[in-house]
Amino acid sequence: MKKLICKAEYCWLSYEPENEVARKLYHSFGFTETGDMDGNEIIAILKL
């Protein structure tokens, strides 16, 4: 596997509020909800 160096500090994603499976999965990886929305989707962020 090749290692890539980048300067990213955060990774963010969004998911539909009713998608409980996605919410649990992302939270298990350490994502936290920001309180913001992208349209109808919840935004979550992970500090790298």
Protein backbone atom coordinates (compact mmCIF):
# COMPACT_ATOMS: atom_id res chain seq x y z
CA MET A 1 0.00 0.00 0.00
CA LYS A 2 1.33 3.43 -0.90
CA LYS A 3 1.38 6.12 1.80
CA LEU A 4 0.26 9.56 0.68
CA ILE A 5 1.17 12.67 2.64
CA CYS A 6 -1.39 15.44 2.80
CA LYS A 7 -2.14 18.37 5.04
CA ALA A 8 -5.79 17.58 5.68
CA GLU A 9 -6.80 18.13 9.29
CA TYR A 10 -10.43 17.02 9.06
CA CYS A 11 -12.63 14.60 7.18
CA TRP A 12 -16.32 15.41 6.92
CA LEU A 13 -19.35 13.60 5.59
CA SER A 14 -23.11 13.81 5.67
CA TYR A 15 -25.90 11.28 6.09
CA GLU A 16 -29.68 11.19 6.25
CA PRO A 17 -31.07 11.54 9.80
CA GLU A 18 -33.15 8.36 9.51
CA ASN A 19 -30.08 6.29 8.55
CA GLU A 20 -29.33 4.94 12.02
CA VAL A 21 -26.92 2.29 10.67
CA ALA A 22 -24.73 5.00 9.08
CA ARG A 23 -24.87 7.15 12.23
CA LYS A 24 -23.69 4.28 14.43
CA LEU A 25 -20.95 3.30 11.97
CA TYR A 26 -19.57 6.85 11.64
CA HIS A 27 -19.71 7.43 15.40
CA SER A 28 -17.78 4.17 15.91
CA PHE A 29 -14.98 5.66 13.77
CA GLY A 30 -14.97 8.83 15.89
CA PHE A 31 -17.05 11.19 13.75
CA THR A 32 -19.04 13.79 15.69
CA GLU A 33 -22.06 15.72 14.47
CA THR A 34 -21.42 19.43 13.93
CA GLY A 35 -25.00 20.58 14.41
CA ASP A 36 -25.04 21.81 10.79
CA MET A 37 -27.03 20.35 7.92
CA ASP A 38 -26.24 19.86 4.22
CA GLY A 39 -29.73 20.13 2.81
CA ASN A 40 -31.60 17.40 4.67
CA GLU A 41 -28.45 15.56 5.78
CA ILE A 42 -26.57 15.73 9.08
CA ILE A 43 -22.91 16.78 8.82
CA ALA A 44 -20.33 14.91 10.88
CA ILE A 45 -16.60 15.59 11.16
CA LEU A 46 -13.50 13.65 12.17
CA LYS A 47 -10.26 15.33 13.26
CA LEU A 48 -7.38 13.48 11.60
